[in-house]
Structure formats: structure tokens, C-alpha cells
Amino acid sequence: MDIGAIIILVALLVVMPVGVLMTMGGLAGVLGTLIGRKSDLDNVDDDGEPNEYLTISNTRHYDE
């Protein structure tokens, strides 16, 4: 086998999947932060107090 073919195989089987997984993990973190921030802002009343949905989501139901 050629050394070029080995380099291409290593790039396709190791470097590319790891790069894609790391990129998607970072993208998921950014999207989760942005979506969470927007939903928190949508769930406040006009006076800035959290509405019932945000209050329920922040309670710990299993600590009782």
C-alpha cells in the first residue's frame, strides 16, 4: 500500500469523524444556551416576575 493511501484512510476514519463530533458538540452547547435564554425571557410577566411555567420548571419535584 502507498503511504498516501494510508494517510487518506487515517484522515477519513479518524480525523474526520472526531472533527465532526467535536464541532456538533460545540454547536449543540451554543444552541442549547441560546434557546434556554430565550425561553426564560418568554416566561416572565410584564413586571419581570417568572410566570407559573418557569416557576414549575425550576422546582425540584423529587427532593420531597
Protein backbone atom coordinates (compact mmCIF):
# COMPACT_ATOMS: atom_id res chain seq x y z
CA MET A 1 0.00 0.00 0.00
CA ASP A 2 1.11 3.51 -0.68
CA ILE A 3 1.86 5.93 2.14
CA GLY A 4 -0.61 8.35 0.53
CA ALA A 5 -3.41 5.80 0.75
CA ILE A 6 -2.65 5.20 4.42
CA ILE A 7 -2.75 8.93 5.13
CA ILE A 8 -6.08 9.27 3.34
CA LEU A 9 -7.53 6.29 5.24
CA VAL A 10 -6.41 7.68 8.58
CA ALA A 11 -7.88 11.06 7.70
CA LEU A 12 -11.20 9.54 6.64
CA LEU A 13 -11.52 7.07 9.50
CA VAL A 14 -10.09 9.05 12.42
CA VAL A 15 -9.68 12.77 11.81
CA MET A 16 -12.96 13.50 10.02
CA PRO A 17 -15.35 11.74 12.48
CA VAL A 18 -13.62 13.25 15.51
CA GLY A 19 -13.76 16.71 13.95
CA VAL A 20 -17.46 16.37 13.13
CA LEU A 21 -18.31 15.11 16.62
CA MET A 22 -16.41 17.92 18.33
CA THR A 23 -17.98 20.56 16.08
CA MET A 24 -21.50 19.26 16.64
CA GLY A 25 -20.97 19.11 20.41
CA GLY A 26 -19.97 22.77 20.49
CA LEU A 27 -22.85 23.74 18.23
CA ALA A 28 -25.32 21.87 20.47
CA GLY A 29 -23.99 23.71 23.51
CA VAL A 30 -24.36 27.11 21.86
CA LEU A 31 -27.86 26.35 20.60
CA GLY A 32 -28.95 25.00 23.99
CA THR A 33 -27.75 28.15 25.71
CA LEU A 34 -29.48 30.45 23.24
CA ILE A 35 -32.74 28.52 23.27
CA GLY A 36 -32.77 28.30 27.08
CA ARG A 37 -32.14 32.03 27.45
CA LYS A 38 -34.95 32.87 25.03
CA SER A 39 -37.45 30.57 26.74
CA ASP A 40 -36.63 32.10 30.12
CA LEU A 41 -37.27 35.56 28.72
CA ASP A 42 -40.56 34.42 27.17
CA ASN A 43 -41.81 33.07 30.50
CA VAL A 44 -41.80 36.26 32.55
CA ASP A 45 -44.76 38.52 33.22
CA ASP A 46 -44.87 42.18 32.26
CA ASP A 47 -43.48 43.17 35.69
CA GLY A 48 -40.47 40.82 35.30
CA GLU A 49 -41.66 38.10 37.68
CA PRO A 50 -41.48 34.48 36.45
CA ASN A 51 -44.82 33.06 35.36
CA GLU A 52 -46.17 29.72 36.51
CA TYR A 53 -44.40 27.71 33.78
CA LEU A 54 -40.96 28.99 34.71
CA THR A 55 -41.69 28.51 38.41
CA ILE A 56 -42.77 24.90 37.86
CA SER A 57 -39.73 24.14 35.68
CA ASN A 58 -37.34 25.42 38.34
CA THR A 59 -38.78 23.33 41.19
CA ARG A 60 -37.17 20.04 42.18
CA HIS A 61 -40.05 17.58 42.34
CA TYR A 62 -38.03 14.60 43.52
CA ASP A 63 -36.49 16.20 46.61
CA GLU A 64 -39.64 15.79 48.71
